[in-house]
Amino acid sequence: MFRVSDVMTKQVVYLPAETTLDEAARVMKEADIGDVVVTDGATLAGLLTDRDIVVRAVAERSDPAATTIGSIVTREVVMIEQHCTAAEAAALMRERNIRRVLVCDSDRKLVGIVSLGDMARQLDPNSALAEISEAAPNG
């Protein structure tokens, strides 16, 4: 039985809410990640995904050099404890209709992020989702 800590991504990238969309996109590309944790000072403001940038900014014709990530971030943060099972994480994602969950330790300190792709790679490496998640980005 896999725990969330077995499948999560431990590399968490933090960006301040004042960061512009174009800078956040560059950071995501360079780190080969699809999400960043947005901070407001010392406070966790939310989670921003590459999809958020596309749907909430690009599709709305927002200027990526002038729009901040804080203005489009998902502020409802969903967390799961690192010792929970991968099945519990999958159930939480299904219930909330989300693809990523922040992972915390018993003191509610952020220790990682678990995505649907992370779980697919670990639980069924031969699945289509695992293969797509493992593939290098096009371009």
C-alpha atoms as a PDB file:
ATOM      1  CA  MET A   1       0.000   0.000   0.000  1.00  0.00           C
ATOM      2  CA  PHE A   2       1.495   3.299  -1.106  1.00  0.00           C
ATOM      3  CA  ARG A   3       1.451   6.376   1.099  1.00  0.00           C
ATOM      4  CA  VAL A   4       1.157   9.895  -0.261  1.00  0.00           C
ATOM      5  CA  SER A   5       4.796  10.437   0.778  1.00  0.00           C
ATOM      6  CA  ASP A   6       5.822   7.577  -1.574  1.00  0.00           C
ATOM      7  CA  VAL A   7       4.310   9.194  -4.662  1.00  0.00           C
ATOM      8  CA  MET A   8       4.428  12.950  -4.036  1.00  0.00           C
ATOM      9  CA  THR A   9       6.770  15.452  -5.620  1.00  0.00           C
ATOM     10  CA  LYS A  10       8.995  16.822  -2.877  1.00  0.00           C
ATOM     11  CA  GLN A  11      10.273  19.746  -4.959  1.00  0.00           C
ATOM     12  CA  VAL A  12       7.860  22.579  -4.188  1.00  0.00           C
ATOM     13  CA  VAL A  13       8.431  25.890  -5.963  1.00  0.00           C
ATOM     14  CA  TYR A  14       7.175  28.989  -4.177  1.00  0.00           C
ATOM     15  CA  LEU A  15       6.485  32.309  -5.905  1.00  0.00           C
ATOM     16  CA  PRO A  16       5.180  35.541  -4.366  1.00  0.00           C
ATOM     17  CA  ALA A  17       1.696  36.692  -5.403  1.00  0.00           C
ATOM     18  CA  GLU A  18       3.235  39.763  -7.104  1.00  0.00           C
ATOM     19  CA  THR A  19       5.022  37.556  -9.681  1.00  0.00           C
ATOM     20  CA  THR A  20       3.807  38.187 -13.226  1.00  0.00           C
ATOM     21  CA  LEU A  21       2.279  35.414 -15.310  1.00  0.00           C
ATOM     22  CA  ASP A  22       5.107  35.412 -17.845  1.00  0.00           C
ATOM     23  CA  GLU A  23       7.706  34.994 -15.094  1.00  0.00           C
ATOM     24  CA  ALA A  24       5.694  32.180 -13.447  1.00  0.00           C
ATOM     25  CA  ALA A  25       5.384  30.422 -16.810  1.00  0.00           C
ATOM     26  CA  ARG A  26       9.167  30.687 -17.321  1.00  0.00           C
ATOM     27  CA  VAL A  27       9.803  29.204 -13.866  1.00  0.00           C
ATOM     28  CA  MET A  28       7.417  26.324 -14.602  1.00  0.00           C
ATOM     29  CA  LYS A  29       9.083  25.642 -17.953  1.00  0.00           C
ATOM     30  CA  GLU A  30      12.625  25.727 -16.520  1.00  0.00           C
ATOM     31  CA  ALA A  31      11.710  23.465 -13.585  1.00  0.00           C
ATOM     32  CA  ASP A  32       9.556  21.211 -15.813  1.00  0.00           C
ATOM     33  CA  ILE A  33       6.600  21.505 -13.444  1.00  0.00           C
ATOM     34  CA  GLY A  34       2.924  22.315 -13.881  1.00  0.00           C
ATOM     35  CA  ASP A  35       2.252  24.122 -10.621  1.00  0.00           C
ATOM     36  CA  VAL A  36       3.687  26.563  -8.098  1.00  0.00           C
ATOM     37  CA  VAL A  37       2.676  27.455  -4.570  1.00  0.00           C
ATOM     38  CA  VAL A  38       1.782  31.129  -4.316  1.00  0.00           C
ATOM     39  CA  THR A  39       2.725  33.048  -1.179  1.00  0.00           C
ATOM     40  CA  ASP A  40       1.466  36.307   0.215  1.00  0.00           C
ATOM     41  CA  GLY A  41       4.285  37.329   2.543  1.00  0.00           C
ATOM     42  CA  ALA A  42       4.754  34.378   4.897  1.00  0.00           C
ATOM     43  CA  THR A  43       1.220  33.120   4.198  1.00  0.00           C
ATOM     44  CA  LEU A  44       0.248  30.433   1.726  1.00  0.00           C
ATOM     45  CA  ALA A  45      -2.041  32.169  -0.781  1.00  0.00           C
ATOM     46  CA  GLY A  46      -2.863  29.153  -2.932  1.00  0.00           C
ATOM     47  CA  LEU A  47      -1.824  26.867  -5.754  1.00  0.00           C
ATOM     48  CA  LEU A  48      -1.352  28.017  -9.335  1.00  0.00           C
ATOM     49  CA  THR A  49      -1.272  25.580 -12.251  1.00  0.00           C
ATOM     50  CA  ASP A  50      -0.290  25.972 -15.859  1.00  0.00           C
ATOM     51  CA  ARG A  51      -3.954  25.353 -16.673  1.00  0.00           C
ATOM     52  CA  ASP A  52      -4.976  28.278 -14.417  1.00  0.00           C
ATOM     53  CA  ILE A  53      -2.708  30.555 -16.445  1.00  0.00           C
ATOM     54  CA  VAL A  54      -4.316  29.408 -19.695  1.00  0.00           C
ATOM     55  CA  VAL A  55      -7.956  29.391 -18.578  1.00  0.00           C
ATOM     56  CA  ARG A  56      -7.997  32.396 -16.252  1.00  0.00           C
ATOM     57  CA  ALA A  57      -5.551  34.687 -18.017  1.00  0.00           C
ATOM     58  CA  VAL A  58      -4.599  33.786 -21.582  1.00  0.00           C
ATOM     59  CA  ALA A  59      -8.184  32.913 -22.567  1.00  0.00           C
ATOM     60  CA  GLU A  60      -9.306  36.223 -21.036  1.00  0.00           C
ATOM     61  CA  ARG A  61      -6.613  38.078 -23.016  1.00  0.00           C
ATOM     62  CA  SER A  62      -4.851  39.285 -19.851  1.00  0.00           C
ATOM     63  CA  ASP A  63      -1.411  40.809 -20.378  1.00  0.00           C
ATOM     64  CA  PRO A  64       1.054  38.189 -19.068  1.00  0.00           C
ATOM     65  CA  ALA A  65       3.668  40.850 -18.312  1.00  0.00           C
ATOM     66  CA  ALA A  66       1.239  42.945 -16.253  1.00  0.00           C
ATOM     67  CA  THR A  67      -1.044  40.348 -14.632  1.00  0.00           C
ATOM     68  CA  THR A  68       0.073  38.908 -11.291  1.00  0.00           C
ATOM     69  CA  ILE A  69      -0.320  35.299 -10.286  1.00  0.00           C
ATOM     70  CA  GLY A  70      -2.031  36.458  -7.104  1.00  0.00           C
ATOM     71  CA  SER A  71      -4.932  37.771  -9.193  1.00  0.00           C
ATOM     72  CA  ILE A  72      -5.702  34.344 -10.717  1.00  0.00           C
ATOM     73  CA  VAL A  73      -4.488  31.861  -8.086  1.00  0.00           C
ATOM     74  CA  THR A  74      -6.792  29.150  -6.724  1.00  0.00           C
ATOM     75  CA  ARG A  75      -7.098  30.242  -3.102  1.00  0.00           C
ATOM     76  CA  GLU A  76      -8.983  27.210  -1.834  1.00  0.00           C
ATOM     77  CA  VAL A  77      -6.091  25.043  -0.725  1.00  0.00           C
ATOM     78  CA  VAL A  78      -6.760  21.326  -0.405  1.00  0.00           C
ATOM     79  CA  MET A  79      -4.250  19.445   1.748  1.00  0.00           C
ATOM     80  CA  ILE A  80      -3.656  15.854   2.711  1.00  0.00           C
ATOM     81  CA  GLU A  81      -1.335  14.445   5.351  1.00  0.00           C
ATOM     82  CA  GLN A  82       1.740  12.663   3.963  1.00  0.00           C
ATOM     83  CA  HIS A  83       0.987   9.383   5.771  1.00  0.00           C
ATOM     84  CA  CYS A  84      -2.446   9.008   4.165  1.00  0.00           C
ATOM     85  CA  THR A  85      -2.747   6.347   1.489  1.00  0.00           C
ATOM     86  CA  ALA A  86      -2.582   7.061  -2.221  1.00  0.00           C
ATOM     87  CA  ALA A  87      -6.148   5.710  -2.414  1.00  0.00           C
ATOM     88  CA  GLU A  88      -7.258   8.359   0.101  1.00  0.00           C
ATOM     89  CA  ALA A  89      -5.556  11.040  -2.010  1.00  0.00           C
ATOM     90  CA  ALA A  90      -7.292   9.732  -5.143  1.00  0.00           C
ATOM     91  CA  ALA A  91     -10.654   9.768  -3.349  1.00  0.00           C
ATOM     92  CA  LEU A  92     -10.050  13.365  -2.209  1.00  0.00           C
ATOM     93  CA  MET A  93      -9.180  14.419  -5.763  1.00  0.00           C
ATOM     94  CA  ARG A  94     -12.295  12.727  -7.108  1.00  0.00           C
ATOM     95  CA  GLU A  95     -14.502  14.292  -4.408  1.00  0.00           C
ATOM     96  CA  ARG A  96     -13.115  17.812  -4.981  1.00  0.00           C
ATOM     97  CA  ASN A  97     -12.703  17.377  -8.761  1.00  0.00           C
ATOM     98  CA  ILE A  98      -9.043  18.438  -8.647  1.00  0.00           C
ATOM     99  CA  ARG A  99      -5.805  17.036 -10.096  1.00  0.00           C
ATOM    100  CA  ARG A 100      -3.330  18.138  -7.409  1.00  0.00           C
ATOM    101  CA  VAL A 101      -3.287  18.231  -3.614  1.00  0.00           C
ATOM    102  CA  LEU A 102      -0.784  19.905  -1.306  1.00  0.00           C
ATOM    103  CA  VAL A 103       0.876  17.459   1.101  1.00  0.00           C
ATOM    104  CA  CYS A 104       1.593  18.376   4.718  1.00  0.00           C
ATOM    105  CA  ASP A 105       3.235  16.732   7.688  1.00  0.00           C
ATOM    106  CA  SER A 106       1.533  16.177  11.049  1.00  0.00           C
ATOM    107  CA  ASP A 107       2.270  19.823  11.979  1.00  0.00           C
ATOM    108  CA  ARG A 108       0.502  21.022   8.768  1.00  0.00           C
ATOM    109  CA  LYS A 109       3.843  22.119   7.283  1.00  0.00           C
ATOM    110  CA  LEU A 110       3.936  21.813   3.494  1.00  0.00           C
ATOM    111  CA  VAL A 111       6.223  18.957   2.404  1.00  0.00           C
ATOM    112  CA  GLY A 112       5.157  18.276  -1.185  1.00  0.00           C
ATOM    113  CA  ILE A 113       2.501  18.130  -3.870  1.00  0.00           C
ATOM    114  CA  VAL A 114       0.799  15.014  -5.176  1.00  0.00           C
ATOM    115  CA  SER A 115      -0.790  14.973  -8.607  1.00  0.00           C
ATOM    116  CA  LEU A 116      -2.918  12.525 -10.492  1.00  0.00           C
ATOM    117  CA  GLY A 117       0.087  11.919 -12.751  1.00  0.00           C
ATOM    118  CA  ASP A 118       2.355  11.168  -9.754  1.00  0.00           C
ATOM    119  CA  MET A 119      -0.054   8.513  -8.564  1.00  0.00           C
ATOM    120  CA  ALA A 120      -0.514   7.009 -12.018  1.00  0.00           C
ATOM    121  CA  ARG A 121       3.262   6.671 -12.472  1.00  0.00           C
ATOM    122  CA  GLN A 122       3.640   4.922  -9.127  1.00  0.00           C
ATOM    123  CA  LEU A 123       0.523   2.765  -9.067  1.00  0.00           C
ATOM    124  CA  ASP A 124       0.319   1.741 -12.724  1.00  0.00           C
ATOM    125  CA  PRO A 125       3.490   2.694 -14.636  1.00  0.00           C
ATOM    126  CA  ASN A 126       2.134   1.161 -17.846  1.00  0.00           C
ATOM    127  CA  SER A 127      -1.095   3.178 -17.883  1.00  0.00           C
ATOM    128  CA  ALA A 128      -1.668   5.786 -20.571  1.00  0.00           C
ATOM    129  CA  LEU A 129      -1.807   8.545 -17.935  1.00  0.00           C
ATOM    130  CA  ALA A 130       1.546   7.446 -16.483  1.00  0.00           C
ATOM    131  CA  GLU A 131       3.161   7.392 -19.926  1.00  0.00           C
ATOM    132  CA  ILE A 132       1.774  10.831 -20.802  1.00  0.00           C
ATOM    133  CA  SER A 133       2.856  12.230 -17.411  1.00  0.00           C
ATOM    134  CA  GLU A 134       6.386  10.851 -17.890  1.00  0.00           C
ATOM    135  CA  ALA A 135       6.806  12.169 -21.439  1.00  0.00           C
ATOM    136  CA  ALA A 136       8.987  15.175 -22.085  1.00  0.00           C
ATOM    137  CA  PRO A 137       7.049  18.316 -22.993  1.00  0.00           C
ATOM    138  CA  ASN A 138       6.584  18.952 -26.704  1.00  0.00           C
ATOM    139  CA  GLY A 139       8.677  21.891 -27.847  1.00  0.00           C
END
